[in-house]
Amino acid sequence: MRVMIAGSSGLIGTSLVPHLRHTGHEVLRLVRRAPRAPDERGWDPPAGWLQSGALDGVDAVVNLCGVGIGDRRWSGARKQAIRDSRVEPTEVLAAAVAAHGIPTMVNASGISYYGDTGDREVDETAPLGAGFLAEVCRDWEAATAAAQPASRVVRLRSGAVLSPSGGLLGRLRPLFSLALGGRLGSGRQYLPWISLDDEVGAIAFLLEHPEVTGPVNLVAPEQVTNARFTEELGRAVNRPTPFPVPAVALRAVLGEAADELALTGPRAAPAVLQRHGFPYRHATLAEALSAATTR
């Protein structure tokens, strides 16, 4: 299969590219500068421009574009950047997929689509939730509309990706190593997660299973609260977790983002992946944290 990837330089893309190549696929990469390698093609999403011939012979497009949502406070400008960096590239790619008759489009989205669900478990059939990130996910997914119905569109509603470097663990490990880690707020909020290996493996799995379409929750089957996650991470790095972080302190540091990123979350289940027999490498949090913290 010939696969074009947008967002190949991010946390997921840098692992997905070699994984797909190792399993026999040809991978091309869209870049927002002059191409410098044989596998690169140029594009400019805000301008709606895609290099001529970039999608010739391509069987699937994987779109992973989007600036970070938790690396700084949410000003008005930052919230606009979070939305635009997802919606604009998706609109450009969906139109190109339709124009070139590409069979498959796999597009990133987020588990925040469901908003805060408390103790209520949700799968891919659940409705849209409330909040800024839920609205971003709604618009992000709607931006794939041009690719349908001619192409198969898969929407990846990813949880927190646990990686040996970067992402959630990249921010938390230094604190836990200094014994400064602790549950956030009440700790009762759910934290949907998936290991980087399984995130990448699931994307490859979905590329290779044409019967799967629509939203897919990229989360592990084990559902954990923030308190449980904290305990497991402390155990993985062999450090105590004695200091809970009050909600008021989180809001003082993160502002508006604290409520959606740290103090609430959906209790999400991977119904589609399980129904289609996806083979998880790290089905439990203990397994995923052990793999991520020992590399």
C-alpha atoms as a PDB file:
ATOM      1  CA  MET A   1       0.000   0.000   0.000  1.00  0.00           C
ATOM      2  CA  ARG A   2       1.216   3.511  -0.808  1.00  0.00           C
ATOM      3  CA  VAL A   3       0.451   5.763   2.174  1.00  0.00           C
ATOM      4  CA  MET A   4       0.729   9.552   2.386  1.00  0.00           C
ATOM      5  CA  ILE A   5       1.178  10.949   5.906  1.00  0.00           C
ATOM      6  CA  ALA A   6       0.563  14.547   6.966  1.00  0.00           C
ATOM      7  CA  GLY A   7       1.974  15.416  10.376  1.00  0.00           C
ATOM      8  CA  SER A   8       4.782  12.859  10.110  1.00  0.00           C
ATOM      9  CA  SER A   9       7.157  14.840  12.354  1.00  0.00           C
ATOM     10  CA  GLY A  10       4.998  14.648  15.485  1.00  0.00           C
ATOM     11  CA  LEU A  11       4.957  12.167  18.364  1.00  0.00           C
ATOM     12  CA  ILE A  12       2.823   9.613  16.520  1.00  0.00           C
ATOM     13  CA  GLY A  13       4.057  10.273  12.988  1.00  0.00           C
ATOM     14  CA  THR A  14       7.738   9.697  13.797  1.00  0.00           C
ATOM     15  CA  SER A  15       6.857   6.186  14.984  1.00  0.00           C
ATOM     16  CA  LEU A  16       4.205   5.448  12.369  1.00  0.00           C
ATOM     17  CA  VAL A  17       6.452   6.095   9.365  1.00  0.00           C
ATOM     18  CA  PRO A  18       9.097   3.447  10.216  1.00  0.00           C
ATOM     19  CA  HIS A  19       6.441   1.012  11.438  1.00  0.00           C
ATOM     20  CA  LEU A  20       4.583   1.119   8.119  1.00  0.00           C
ATOM     21  CA  ARG A  21       7.792   0.818   6.140  1.00  0.00           C
ATOM     22  CA  HIS A  22       8.919  -2.130   8.246  1.00  0.00           C
ATOM     23  CA  THR A  23       5.648  -3.914   7.495  1.00  0.00           C
ATOM     24  CA  GLY A  24       6.059  -3.470   3.745  1.00  0.00           C
ATOM     25  CA  HIS A  25       4.191  -0.261   2.930  1.00  0.00           C
ATOM     26  CA  GLU A  26       5.566   2.622   0.875  1.00  0.00           C
ATOM     27  CA  VAL A  27       5.333   5.880   2.831  1.00  0.00           C
ATOM     28  CA  LEU A  28       5.331   9.447   1.512  1.00  0.00           C
ATOM     29  CA  ARG A  29       5.370  12.527   3.741  1.00  0.00           C
ATOM     30  CA  LEU A  30       3.729  15.918   3.271  1.00  0.00           C
ATOM     31  CA  VAL A  31       5.976  18.782   4.429  1.00  0.00           C
ATOM     32  CA  ARG A  32       5.349  22.531   4.733  1.00  0.00           C
ATOM     33  CA  ARG A  33       8.663  23.536   3.175  1.00  0.00           C
ATOM     34  CA  ALA A  34      10.503  22.764  -0.016  1.00  0.00           C
ATOM     35  CA  PRO A  35      10.832  18.958  -0.269  1.00  0.00           C
ATOM     36  CA  ARG A  36      14.390  17.751   0.395  1.00  0.00           C
ATOM     37  CA  ALA A  37      14.023  13.975   0.197  1.00  0.00           C
ATOM     38  CA  PRO A  38      12.575  11.581  -2.396  1.00  0.00           C
ATOM     39  CA  ASP A  39       9.684  10.642  -0.094  1.00  0.00           C
ATOM     40  CA  GLU A  40       8.625  14.256   0.590  1.00  0.00           C
ATOM     41  CA  ARG A  41       5.889  16.255  -1.102  1.00  0.00           C
ATOM     42  CA  GLY A  42       5.120  19.911  -0.431  1.00  0.00           C
ATOM     43  CA  TRP A  43       1.907  21.557   0.715  1.00  0.00           C
ATOM     44  CA  ASP A  44       0.545  24.724   2.320  1.00  0.00           C
ATOM     45  CA  PRO A  45      -2.755  24.066   4.129  1.00  0.00           C
ATOM     46  CA  PRO A  46      -3.715  27.710   4.863  1.00  0.00           C
ATOM     47  CA  ALA A  47      -3.288  28.485   1.180  1.00  0.00           C
ATOM     48  CA  GLY A  48      -5.115  25.316   0.144  1.00  0.00           C
ATOM     49  CA  TRP A  49      -2.107  24.280  -1.954  1.00  0.00           C
ATOM     50  CA  LEU A  50      -0.837  20.757  -2.584  1.00  0.00           C
ATOM     51  CA  GLN A  51       2.135  19.970  -4.804  1.00  0.00           C
ATOM     52  CA  SER A  52       1.090  18.786  -8.239  1.00  0.00           C
ATOM     53  CA  GLY A  53       1.204  14.991  -8.437  1.00  0.00           C
ATOM     54  CA  ALA A  54       1.676  14.603  -4.687  1.00  0.00           C
ATOM     55  CA  LEU A  55      -1.116  12.050  -4.391  1.00  0.00           C
ATOM     56  CA  ASP A  56      -0.481  10.134  -7.612  1.00  0.00           C
ATOM     57  CA  GLY A  57      -0.775   6.415  -6.927  1.00  0.00           C
ATOM     58  CA  VAL A  58      -1.598   6.896  -3.253  1.00  0.00           C
ATOM     59  CA  ASP A  59      -3.895   4.291  -1.674  1.00  0.00           C
ATOM     60  CA  ALA A  60      -4.454   5.977   1.705  1.00  0.00           C
ATOM     61  CA  VAL A  61      -3.936   9.347   3.378  1.00  0.00           C
ATOM     62  CA  VAL A  62      -3.243   9.580   7.112  1.00  0.00           C
ATOM     63  CA  ASN A  63      -3.705  13.036   8.609  1.00  0.00           C
ATOM     64  CA  LEU A  64      -2.117  13.639  12.035  1.00  0.00           C
ATOM     65  CA  CYS A  65      -1.886  17.454  11.876  1.00  0.00           C
ATOM     66  CA  GLY A  66      -2.518  19.677  14.901  1.00  0.00           C
ATOM     67  CA  VAL A  67      -0.609  21.853  17.381  1.00  0.00           C
ATOM     68  CA  GLY A  68      -0.321  20.715  20.994  1.00  0.00           C
ATOM     69  CA  ILE A  69      -3.319  21.267  23.259  1.00  0.00           C
ATOM     70  CA  GLY A  70      -1.616  21.049  26.654  1.00  0.00           C
ATOM     71  CA  ASP A  71       1.740  22.758  26.258  1.00  0.00           C
ATOM     72  CA  ARG A  72       0.583  26.294  27.111  1.00  0.00           C
ATOM     73  CA  ARG A  73      -2.356  28.262  28.494  1.00  0.00           C
ATOM     74  CA  TRP A  74      -5.385  28.730  26.280  1.00  0.00           C
ATOM     75  CA  SER A  75      -5.494  32.329  25.157  1.00  0.00           C
ATOM     76  CA  GLY A  76      -7.992  33.286  22.501  1.00  0.00           C
ATOM     77  CA  ALA A  77      -5.228  33.097  19.900  1.00  0.00           C
ATOM     78  CA  ARG A  78      -4.073  29.694  21.121  1.00  0.00           C
ATOM     79  CA  LYS A  79      -7.588  28.254  20.995  1.00  0.00           C
ATOM     80  CA  GLN A  80      -7.931  29.503  17.432  1.00  0.00           C
ATOM     81  CA  ALA A  81      -4.595  27.890  16.536  1.00  0.00           C
ATOM     82  CA  ILE A  82      -5.700  24.584  18.095  1.00  0.00           C
ATOM     83  CA  ARG A  83      -8.806  24.599  15.927  1.00  0.00           C
ATOM     84  CA  ASP A  84      -7.308  25.959  12.703  1.00  0.00           C
ATOM     85  CA  SER A  85      -4.270  23.638  12.771  1.00  0.00           C
ATOM     86  CA  ARG A  86      -6.675  20.697  12.679  1.00  0.00           C
ATOM     87  CA  VAL A  87      -9.586  21.843  10.564  1.00  0.00           C
ATOM     88  CA  GLU A  88      -7.716  23.597   7.715  1.00  0.00           C
ATOM     89  CA  PRO A  89      -5.381  20.694   6.830  1.00  0.00           C
ATOM     90  CA  THR A  90      -8.264  18.236   7.067  1.00  0.00           C
ATOM     91  CA  GLU A  91     -10.399  20.250   4.652  1.00  0.00           C
ATOM     92  CA  VAL A  92      -7.534  20.462   2.149  1.00  0.00           C
ATOM     93  CA  LEU A  93      -6.774  16.752   2.356  1.00  0.00           C
ATOM     94  CA  ALA A  94     -10.423  15.645   2.241  1.00  0.00           C
ATOM     95  CA  ALA A  95     -10.955  17.634  -0.944  1.00  0.00           C
ATOM     96  CA  ALA A  96      -7.776  16.166  -2.457  1.00  0.00           C
ATOM     97  CA  VAL A  97      -8.783  12.632  -1.470  1.00  0.00           C
ATOM     98  CA  ALA A  98     -12.108  13.122  -3.234  1.00  0.00           C
ATOM     99  CA  ALA A  99     -10.533  14.697  -6.314  1.00  0.00           C
ATOM    100  CA  HIS A 100      -7.981  11.890  -6.707  1.00  0.00           C
ATOM    101  CA  GLY A 101     -10.341   9.041  -5.864  1.00  0.00           C
ATOM    102  CA  ILE A 102      -8.138   7.795  -3.018  1.00  0.00           C
ATOM    103  CA  PRO A 103      -9.810   4.796  -1.348  1.00  0.00           C
ATOM    104  CA  THR A 104      -9.014   5.552   2.310  1.00  0.00           C
ATOM    105  CA  MET A 105      -8.581   8.573   4.562  1.00  0.00           C
ATOM    106  CA  VAL A 106      -7.548   8.043   8.187  1.00  0.00           C
ATOM    107  CA  ASN A 107      -7.934  11.277  10.136  1.00  0.00           C
ATOM    108  CA  ALA A 108      -6.887  12.119  13.661  1.00  0.00           C
ATOM    109  CA  SER A 109      -9.422  13.270  16.233  1.00  0.00           C
ATOM    110  CA  GLY A 110      -9.596  13.122  20.017  1.00  0.00           C
ATOM    111  CA  ILE A 111     -11.325  11.253  22.802  1.00  0.00           C
ATOM    112  CA  SER A 112     -12.409  14.683  24.074  1.00  0.00           C
ATOM    113  CA  TYR A 113     -15.234  14.388  21.527  1.00  0.00           C
ATOM    114  CA  TYR A 114     -17.324  12.912  24.363  1.00  0.00           C
ATOM    115  CA  GLY A 115     -16.584  15.642  26.903  1.00  0.00           C
ATOM    116  CA  ASP A 116     -16.769  14.691  30.581  1.00  0.00           C
ATOM    117  CA  THR A 117     -18.829  11.527  31.124  1.00  0.00           C
ATOM    118  CA  GLY A 118     -18.075  10.900  34.801  1.00  0.00           C
ATOM    119  CA  ASP A 119     -18.602   7.204  35.595  1.00  0.00           C
ATOM    120  CA  ARG A 120     -20.691   6.607  32.472  1.00  0.00           C
ATOM    121  CA  GLU A 121     -18.897   4.410  29.936  1.00  0.00           C
ATOM    122  CA  VAL A 122     -19.100   5.551  26.313  1.00  0.00           C
ATOM    123  CA  ASP A 123     -18.174   3.907  23.030  1.00  0.00           C
ATOM    124  CA  GLU A 124     -18.176   5.164  19.444  1.00  0.00           C
ATOM    125  CA  THR A 125     -21.980   5.379  19.351  1.00  0.00           C
ATOM    126  CA  ALA A 126     -22.114   8.023  22.105  1.00  0.00           C
ATOM    127  CA  PRO A 127     -23.139  11.582  21.211  1.00  0.00           C
ATOM    128  CA  LEU A 128     -21.001  14.701  21.186  1.00  0.00           C
ATOM    129  CA  GLY A 129     -20.167  16.060  24.632  1.00  0.00           C
ATOM    130  CA  ALA A 130     -19.696  19.616  25.878  1.00  0.00           C
ATOM    131  CA  GLY A 131     -16.627  21.829  26.022  1.00  0.00           C
ATOM    132  CA  PHE A 132     -14.104  23.569  23.796  1.00  0.00           C
ATOM    133  CA  LEU A 133     -12.211  20.390  22.872  1.00  0.00           C
ATOM    134  CA  ALA A 134     -15.430  18.533  22.074  1.00  0.00           C
ATOM    135  CA  GLU A 135     -16.355  21.357  19.687  1.00  0.00           C
ATOM    136  CA  VAL A 136     -12.897  21.190  18.101  1.00  0.00           C
ATOM    137  CA  CYS A 137     -13.292  17.437  17.581  1.00  0.00           C
ATOM    138  CA  ARG A 138     -16.737  17.999  16.063  1.00  0.00           C
ATOM    139  CA  ASP A 139     -15.398  20.517  13.546  1.00  0.00           C
ATOM    140  CA  TRP A 140     -12.270  18.414  12.908  1.00  0.00           C
ATOM    141  CA  GLU A 141     -14.321  15.358  12.031  1.00  0.00           C
ATOM    142  CA  ALA A 142     -16.824  17.374  10.000  1.00  0.00           C
ATOM    143  CA  ALA A 143     -13.927  18.651   7.885  1.00  0.00           C
ATOM    144  CA  THR A 144     -13.545  15.143   6.405  1.00  0.00           C
ATOM    145  CA  ALA A 145     -16.970  15.424   4.763  1.00  0.00           C
ATOM    146  CA  ALA A 146     -15.640  16.167   1.267  1.00  0.00           C
ATOM    147  CA  ALA A 147     -13.971  12.739   1.159  1.00  0.00           C
ATOM    148  CA  GLN A 148     -17.292  10.964   1.612  1.00  0.00           C
ATOM    149  CA  PRO A 149     -19.058   8.949   0.383  1.00  0.00           C
ATOM    150  CA  ALA A 150     -16.550   8.039  -2.329  1.00  0.00           C
ATOM    151  CA  SER A 151     -13.767   7.181   0.144  1.00  0.00           C
ATOM    152  CA  ARG A 152     -13.613   5.217   3.373  1.00  0.00           C
ATOM    153  CA  VAL A 153     -13.018   7.674   6.222  1.00  0.00           C
ATOM    154  CA  VAL A 154     -11.768   6.524   9.634  1.00  0.00           C
ATOM    155  CA  ARG A 155     -11.708   9.027  12.503  1.00  0.00           C
ATOM    156  CA  LEU A 156      -9.173   8.305  15.232  1.00  0.00           C
ATOM    157  CA  ARG A 157     -10.510   9.415  18.616  1.00  0.00           C
ATOM    158  CA  SER A 158      -7.231   9.029  20.483  1.00  0.00           C
ATOM    159  CA  GLY A 159      -6.706   9.075  24.220  1.00  0.00           C
ATOM    160  CA  ALA A 160      -3.505  10.191  25.974  1.00  0.00           C
ATOM    161  CA  VAL A 161      -0.637   8.479  24.143  1.00  0.00           C
ATOM    162  CA  LEU A 162       1.954   7.038  26.536  1.00  0.00           C
ATOM    163  CA  SER A 163       5.375   7.392  24.959  1.00  0.00           C
ATOM    164  CA  PRO A 164       8.920   6.906  26.296  1.00  0.00           C
ATOM    165  CA  SER A 165       9.557  10.510  25.257  1.00  0.00           C
ATOM    166  CA  GLY A 166       7.214  13.426  24.871  1.00  0.00           C
ATOM    167  CA  GLY A 167       3.470  13.552  25.306  1.00  0.00           C
ATOM    168  CA  LEU A 168       1.835  13.164  28.710  1.00  0.00           C
ATOM    169  CA  LEU A 169       4.654  11.115  30.244  1.00  0.00           C
ATOM    170  CA  GLY A 170       7.237  13.587  28.989  1.00  0.00           C
ATOM    171  CA  ARG A 171       5.598  16.247  31.141  1.00  0.00           C
ATOM    172  CA  LEU A 172       4.915  14.042  34.164  1.00  0.00           C
ATOM    173  CA  ARG A 173       8.044  11.918  34.558  1.00  0.00           C
ATOM    174  CA  PRO A 174      10.355  14.725  35.764  1.00  0.00           C
ATOM    175  CA  LEU A 175       7.868  15.593  38.535  1.00  0.00           C
ATOM    176  CA  PHE A 176       7.390  11.979  39.575  1.00  0.00           C
ATOM    177  CA  SER A 177      11.145  11.373  39.552  1.00  0.00           C
ATOM    178  CA  LEU A 178      11.441  14.138  42.153  1.00  0.00           C
ATOM    179  CA  ALA A 179       8.586  12.611  44.204  1.00  0.00           C
ATOM    180  CA  LEU A 180       6.424  15.626  43.347  1.00  0.00           C
ATOM    181  CA  GLY A 181       3.752  13.689  41.487  1.00  0.00           C
ATOM    182  CA  GLY A 182       0.233  13.260  42.795  1.00  0.00           C
ATOM    183  CA  ARG A 183      -3.369  12.873  41.776  1.00  0.00           C
ATOM    184  CA  LEU A 184      -5.049  15.873  40.171  1.00  0.00           C
ATOM    185  CA  GLY A 185      -8.065  17.331  41.935  1.00  0.00           C
ATOM    186  CA  SER A 186     -10.333  14.592  43.274  1.00  0.00           C
ATOM    187  CA  GLY A 187      -8.589  11.938  41.195  1.00  0.00           C
ATOM    188  CA  ARG A 188     -11.952  10.381  40.330  1.00  0.00           C
ATOM    189  CA  GLN A 189     -11.973  11.650  36.743  1.00  0.00           C
ATOM    190  CA  TYR A 190     -11.181   9.065  34.053  1.00  0.00           C
ATOM    191  CA  LEU A 191      -8.051   9.293  31.940  1.00  0.00           C
ATOM    192  CA  PRO A 192      -8.374   7.394  28.637  1.00  0.00           C
ATOM    193  CA  TRP A 193      -4.915   6.256  27.520  1.00  0.00           C
ATOM    194  CA  ILE A 194      -3.116   4.119  24.942  1.00  0.00           C
ATOM    195  CA  SER A 195       0.526   3.121  24.545  1.00  0.00           C
ATOM    196  CA  LEU A 196       2.432   4.596  21.610  1.00  0.00           C
ATOM    197  CA  ASP A 197       3.021   1.080  20.286  1.00  0.00           C
ATOM    198  CA  ASP A 198      -0.720   0.403  20.259  1.00  0.00           C
ATOM    199  CA  GLU A 199      -1.586   3.821  18.808  1.00  0.00           C
ATOM    200  CA  VAL A 200       0.731   3.159  15.874  1.00  0.00           C
ATOM    201  CA  GLY A 201      -0.319  -0.478  15.628  1.00  0.00           C
ATOM    202  CA  ALA A 202      -3.994   0.479  15.594  1.00  0.00           C
ATOM    203  CA  ILE A 203      -3.514   2.972  12.758  1.00  0.00           C
ATOM    204  CA  ALA A 204      -1.729   0.312  10.703  1.00  0.00           C
ATOM    205  CA  PHE A 205      -4.473  -2.183  11.597  1.00  0.00           C
ATOM    206  CA  LEU A 206      -7.175   0.205  10.424  1.00  0.00           C
ATOM    207  CA  LEU A 207      -5.366   0.890   7.154  1.00  0.00           C
ATOM    208  CA  GLU A 208      -5.343  -2.839   6.493  1.00  0.00           C
ATOM    209  CA  HIS A 209      -8.979  -3.521   7.477  1.00  0.00           C
ATOM    210  CA  PRO A 210     -11.229  -1.903   4.845  1.00  0.00           C
ATOM    211  CA  GLU A 211     -14.382  -3.036   6.622  1.00  0.00           C
ATOM    212  CA  VAL A 212     -13.800  -0.507   9.429  1.00  0.00           C
ATOM    213  CA  THR A 213     -15.118   3.001   8.889  1.00  0.00           C
ATOM    214  CA  GLY A 214     -16.256   5.975  10.944  1.00  0.00           C
ATOM    215  CA  PRO A 215     -15.117   6.851  14.482  1.00  0.00           C
ATOM    216  CA  VAL A 216     -12.736   4.531  16.331  1.00  0.00           C
ATOM    217  CA  ASN A 217     -11.721   5.060  19.968  1.00  0.00           C
ATOM    218  CA  LEU A 218      -7.956   4.614  20.162  1.00  0.00           C
ATOM    219  CA  VAL A 219      -7.789   3.809  23.860  1.00  0.00           C
ATOM    220  CA  ALA A 220      -6.717   0.780  25.868  1.00  0.00           C
ATOM    221  CA  PRO A 221      -9.363  -1.593  27.222  1.00  0.00           C
ATOM    222  CA  GLU A 222      -8.387  -0.917  30.852  1.00  0.00           C
ATOM    223  CA  GLN A 223     -10.235   2.161  32.109  1.00  0.00           C
ATOM    224  CA  VAL A 224      -8.485   4.022  34.929  1.00  0.00           C
ATOM    225  CA  THR A 225      -9.102   7.119  36.996  1.00  0.00           C
ATOM    226  CA  ASN A 226      -6.506   9.820  37.459  1.00  0.00           C
ATOM    227  CA  ALA A 227      -5.839   8.517  40.980  1.00  0.00           C
ATOM    228  CA  ARG A 228      -5.167   5.020  39.681  1.00  0.00           C
ATOM    229  CA  PHE A 229      -2.966   6.362  36.884  1.00  0.00           C
ATOM    230  CA  THR A 230      -0.963   8.323  39.455  1.00  0.00           C
ATOM    231  CA  GLU A 231      -0.436   5.256  41.625  1.00  0.00           C
ATOM    232  CA  GLU A 232       0.690   3.132  38.675  1.00  0.00           C
ATOM    233  CA  LEU A 233       3.101   5.774  37.353  1.00  0.00           C
ATOM    234  CA  GLY A 234       4.622   6.224  40.820  1.00  0.00           C
ATOM    235  CA  ARG A 235       5.099   2.467  41.028  1.00  0.00           C
ATOM    236  CA  ALA A 236       6.647   2.329  37.537  1.00  0.00           C
ATOM    237  CA  VAL A 237       9.289   4.959  38.377  1.00  0.00           C
ATOM    238  CA  ASN A 238       9.680   3.735  41.969  1.00  0.00           C
ATOM    239  CA  ARG A 239       8.684   7.023  43.552  1.00  0.00           C
ATOM    240  CA  PRO A 240       6.007   7.927  46.107  1.00  0.00           C
ATOM    241  CA  THR A 241       3.037  10.078  45.061  1.00  0.00           C
ATOM    242  CA  PRO A 242       2.227  11.951  48.279  1.00  0.00           C
ATOM    243  CA  PHE A 243       1.197  15.366  47.047  1.00  0.00           C
ATOM    244  CA  PRO A 244      -2.261  15.744  45.483  1.00  0.00           C
ATOM    245  CA  VAL A 245      -2.612  18.829  43.315  1.00  0.00           C
ATOM    246  CA  PRO A 246      -5.746  20.821  44.221  1.00  0.00           C
ATOM    247  CA  ALA A 247      -8.068  21.895  41.442  1.00  0.00           C
ATOM    248  CA  VAL A 248      -7.575  25.546  42.343  1.00  0.00           C
ATOM    249  CA  ALA A 249      -3.813  25.209  41.833  1.00  0.00           C
ATOM    250  CA  LEU A 250      -4.273  23.574  38.449  1.00  0.00           C
ATOM    251  CA  ARG A 251      -6.609  26.325  37.332  1.00  0.00           C
ATOM    252  CA  ALA A 252      -4.101  28.929  38.484  1.00  0.00           C
ATOM    253  CA  VAL A 253      -1.394  27.340  36.305  1.00  0.00           C
ATOM    254  CA  LEU A 254      -3.379  26.098  33.307  1.00  0.00           C
ATOM    255  CA  GLY A 255      -6.319  28.476  33.314  1.00  0.00           C
ATOM    256  CA  GLU A 256      -9.349  27.329  31.341  1.00  0.00           C
ATOM    257  CA  ALA A 257      -7.489  24.278  30.032  1.00  0.00           C
ATOM    258  CA  ALA A 258      -7.312  22.709  33.506  1.00  0.00           C
ATOM    259  CA  ASP A 259     -10.944  21.620  33.541  1.00  0.00           C
ATOM    260  CA  GLU A 260     -10.864  19.854  30.176  1.00  0.00           C
ATOM    261  CA  LEU A 261      -7.314  18.493  30.217  1.00  0.00           C
ATOM    262  CA  ALA A 262      -6.828  17.510  33.844  1.00  0.00           C
ATOM    263  CA  LEU A 263      -9.964  17.628  35.987  1.00  0.00           C
ATOM    264  CA  THR A 264     -12.515  15.879  33.774  1.00  0.00           C
ATOM    265  CA  GLY A 265     -12.540  13.171  31.140  1.00  0.00           C
ATOM    266  CA  PRO A 266     -14.608  10.518  29.392  1.00  0.00           C
ATOM    267  CA  ARG A 267     -14.754   6.893  30.487  1.00  0.00           C
ATOM    268  CA  ALA A 268     -14.197   5.613  26.971  1.00  0.00           C
ATOM    269  CA  ALA A 269     -14.185   2.041  25.688  1.00  0.00           C
ATOM    270  CA  PRO A 270     -12.516   0.792  22.458  1.00  0.00           C
ATOM    271  CA  ALA A 271     -15.581  -1.066  21.198  1.00  0.00           C
ATOM    272  CA  VAL A 272     -14.665  -0.954  17.489  1.00  0.00           C
ATOM    273  CA  LEU A 273     -11.075  -2.129  17.938  1.00  0.00           C
ATOM    274  CA  GLN A 274     -12.176  -4.954  20.218  1.00  0.00           C
ATOM    275  CA  ARG A 275     -15.004  -6.007  17.916  1.00  0.00           C
ATOM    276  CA  HIS A 276     -12.555  -6.323  15.026  1.00  0.00           C
ATOM    277  CA  GLY A 277      -9.943  -8.190  17.039  1.00  0.00           C
ATOM    278  CA  PHE A 278      -7.151  -5.637  17.336  1.00  0.00           C
ATOM    279  CA  PRO A 279      -4.228  -7.320  19.176  1.00  0.00           C
ATOM    280  CA  TYR A 280      -3.124  -4.931  21.926  1.00  0.00           C
ATOM    281  CA  ARG A 281       0.516  -5.096  22.973  1.00  0.00           C
ATOM    282  CA  HIS A 282      -0.213  -3.232  26.200  1.00  0.00           C
ATOM    283  CA  ALA A 283      -3.764  -3.908  27.362  1.00  0.00           C
ATOM    284  CA  THR A 284      -3.102  -2.849  30.960  1.00  0.00           C
ATOM    285  CA  LEU A 285      -1.688   0.387  32.313  1.00  0.00           C
ATOM    286  CA  ALA A 286       1.027  -1.435  34.228  1.00  0.00           C
ATOM    287  CA  GLU A 287       2.270  -3.025  31.001  1.00  0.00           C
ATOM    288  CA  ALA A 288       2.219   0.259  29.102  1.00  0.00           C
ATOM    289  CA  LEU A 289       4.022   2.221  31.822  1.00  0.00           C
ATOM    290  CA  SER A 290       6.635  -0.491  32.261  1.00  0.00           C
ATOM    291  CA  ALA A 291       7.361  -0.413  28.527  1.00  0.00           C
ATOM    292  CA  ALA A 292       7.464   3.394  28.396  1.00  0.00           C
ATOM    293  CA  THR A 293       9.603   3.972  31.474  1.00  0.00           C
ATOM    294  CA  THR A 294      12.235   1.294  30.892  1.00  0.00           C
ATOM    295  CA  ARG A 295      13.335   2.367  27.394  1.00  0.00           C
END
